[in-house]
Protein backbone atom coordinates (compact mmCIF):
# COMPACT_ATOMS: atom_id res chain seq x y z
CA MET A 1 0.00 0.00 0.00
CA LYS A 2 2.85 2.36 0.85
CA LYS A 3 4.40 1.74 -2.59
CA ILE A 4 1.13 2.63 -4.30
CA ILE A 5 0.80 5.88 -2.37
CA THR A 6 4.42 6.75 -3.16
CA LEU A 7 3.85 5.98 -6.85
CA ILE A 8 0.71 8.14 -6.98
CA ALA A 9 2.46 11.01 -5.19
CA THR A 10 5.38 10.77 -7.61
CA LEU A 11 3.05 10.85 -10.62
CA PHE A 12 1.27 13.94 -9.28
CA PHE A 13 4.62 15.64 -8.71
CA ILE A 14 5.86 14.85 -12.22
CA THR A 15 2.59 16.05 -13.74
CA ALA A 16 2.71 19.29 -11.78
CA CYS A 17 6.24 19.95 -13.02
CA THR A 18 5.29 19.67 -16.69
CA THR A 19 3.57 23.01 -17.17
CA THR A 20 5.41 23.90 -20.37
CA SER A 21 5.11 22.69 -23.96
CA ARG A 22 7.79 22.61 -26.61
CA VAL A 23 7.77 25.13 -29.47
CA SER A 24 6.61 22.54 -31.97
CA ASP A 25 3.38 22.29 -29.98
CA TYR A 26 2.51 25.94 -30.38
CA ASN A 27 3.89 26.83 -33.79
CA ARG A 28 1.31 24.93 -35.77
CA HIS A 29 0.74 24.41 -39.50
CA SER A 30 -2.73 23.33 -40.62
CA GLU A 31 -4.08 22.27 -43.98
CA VAL A 32 -7.59 22.73 -45.34
CA ALA A 33 -9.09 21.95 -48.74
CA SER A 34 -7.42 23.99 -51.47
CA THR A 35 -10.87 25.04 -52.67
CA TYR A 36 -10.99 27.60 -49.84
CA THR A 37 -9.78 31.05 -50.79
CA PRO A 38 -7.48 33.02 -48.50
CA ALA A 39 -10.42 35.36 -47.78
CA GLN A 40 -12.58 32.44 -46.60
CA ILE A 41 -9.75 31.15 -44.41
CA ARG A 42 -9.15 34.66 -43.00
CA ASP A 43 -12.85 34.99 -42.18
CA ALA A 44 -12.85 31.63 -40.38
CA ILE A 45 -9.73 32.61 -38.41
CA ILE A 46 -11.20 35.96 -37.36
CA THR A 47 -14.69 34.66 -36.54
CA THR A 48 -13.52 31.72 -34.47
CA GLY A 49 -10.73 33.71 -32.82
CA LYS A 50 -13.12 36.42 -31.66
CA ALA A 51 -15.50 33.75 -30.36
CA ARG A 52 -12.62 32.50 -28.18
CA LYS A 53 -11.90 36.05 -26.92
CA TRP A 54 -8.78 36.67 -29.00
CA GLN A 55 -8.25 40.33 -29.94
CA ILE A 56 -7.69 40.24 -33.70
CA GLN A 57 -5.86 42.83 -35.79
CA GLU A 58 -5.35 42.46 -39.55
CA VAL A 59 -1.78 43.43 -40.40
CA THR A 60 -1.26 42.27 -43.99
CA LYS A 61 -3.34 40.71 -46.74
CA ASP A 62 -2.19 37.26 -45.62
CA ALA A 63 -1.77 37.52 -41.83
CA VAL A 64 -3.48 38.64 -38.65
CA ILE A 65 -2.07 39.30 -35.19
CA ALA A 66 -4.08 37.93 -32.29
CA LYS A 67 -3.69 38.67 -28.59
CA GLN A 68 -5.08 36.57 -25.76
CA ASP A 69 -5.08 38.64 -22.56
CA ILE A 70 -5.84 36.63 -19.43
CA GLY A 71 -5.34 39.45 -16.94
CA LYS A 72 -2.72 40.32 -14.32
CA GLY A 73 -0.23 41.16 -17.07
CA ARG A 74 -0.37 37.69 -18.63
CA TYR A 75 -0.91 37.47 -22.37
CA ALA A 76 0.17 35.85 -25.62
CA VAL A 77 0.59 37.47 -29.03
CA THR A 78 0.28 35.16 -32.03
CA GLU A 79 0.62 35.67 -35.76
CA VAL A 80 -1.76 33.65 -37.89
CA SER A 81 -0.70 33.65 -41.53
CA TYR A 82 -2.81 32.03 -44.23
CA GLY A 83 -2.96 31.23 -47.90
CA ARG A 84 -4.89 28.99 -50.24
CA GLY A 85 -5.38 25.69 -48.44
CA HIS A 86 -3.39 26.39 -45.27
CA TYR A 87 -2.80 28.57 -42.23
CA ASP A 88 -0.06 28.78 -39.60
CA PHE A 89 0.08 29.84 -35.95
CA LYS A 90 3.31 31.40 -34.71
CA LEU A 91 3.82 32.62 -31.14
CA LEU A 92 5.42 36.07 -31.34
CA LYS A 93 5.69 36.87 -27.64
CA SER A 94 4.12 36.20 -24.29
CA GLU A 95 4.24 37.55 -20.78
CA GLY A 96 3.58 35.50 -17.66
CA LEU A 97 3.32 32.24 -19.61
CA LYS A 98 6.75 30.85 -18.77
CA GLN A 99 8.11 31.29 -22.30
CA GLN A 100 11.77 30.33 -22.24
CA GLY A 101 13.64 29.36 -25.36
CA LYS A 102 11.67 26.56 -26.94
CA SER A 103 8.95 26.14 -24.35
CA VAL A 104 5.85 27.95 -23.13
CA HIS A 105 3.07 27.22 -20.63
CA ARG A 106 0.93 24.32 -21.81
CA ARG A 107 -2.20 26.47 -21.53
CA TYR A 108 -1.09 28.32 -24.67
CA SER A 109 -0.91 25.06 -26.63
CA HIS A 110 -4.41 24.27 -25.39
CA TRP A 111 -5.75 27.63 -26.64
CA ILE A 112 -4.19 27.11 -30.06
CA ARG A 113 -5.47 23.53 -30.34
CA LEU A 114 -9.03 24.63 -29.52
CA TRP A 115 -8.86 27.57 -31.92
CA ASN A 116 -7.49 25.29 -34.64
CA ASP A 117 -10.31 22.80 -34.04
CA ASP A 118 -12.86 25.63 -34.38
CA ILE A 119 -11.34 26.80 -37.67
CA GLN A 120 -11.32 23.26 -39.05
CA ALA A 121 -14.96 22.77 -38.02
CA LYS A 122 -16.00 26.05 -39.66
CA LEU A 123 -14.25 25.21 -42.93
CA ASN A 124 -15.29 21.56 -43.15
């Protein structure tokens, strides 16, 4: 019984220590059908991003900048570039999300995964 409790405690400790994700988890490339125009992809990015409380700013004809502000000085700024049949998320900067080198808080990866799922659902 003591071994089981020790094992469970160790697993909780290890899980608690893994609060960051590697860069590859948050710089994401996604494909959609090539029949979608860049304008349709942009509209899906903006609509779904705003629904998830991202502040969206169009910066070029093929990219938007999105900011997720979670309060207390914590935020993430992401570039979402797009073209016919694809779009890409790239973390530009963050504050309070443990970004160091090639890792960032796993919550950011979760936000991007959910946003990506919403875009895919809207386009498919």
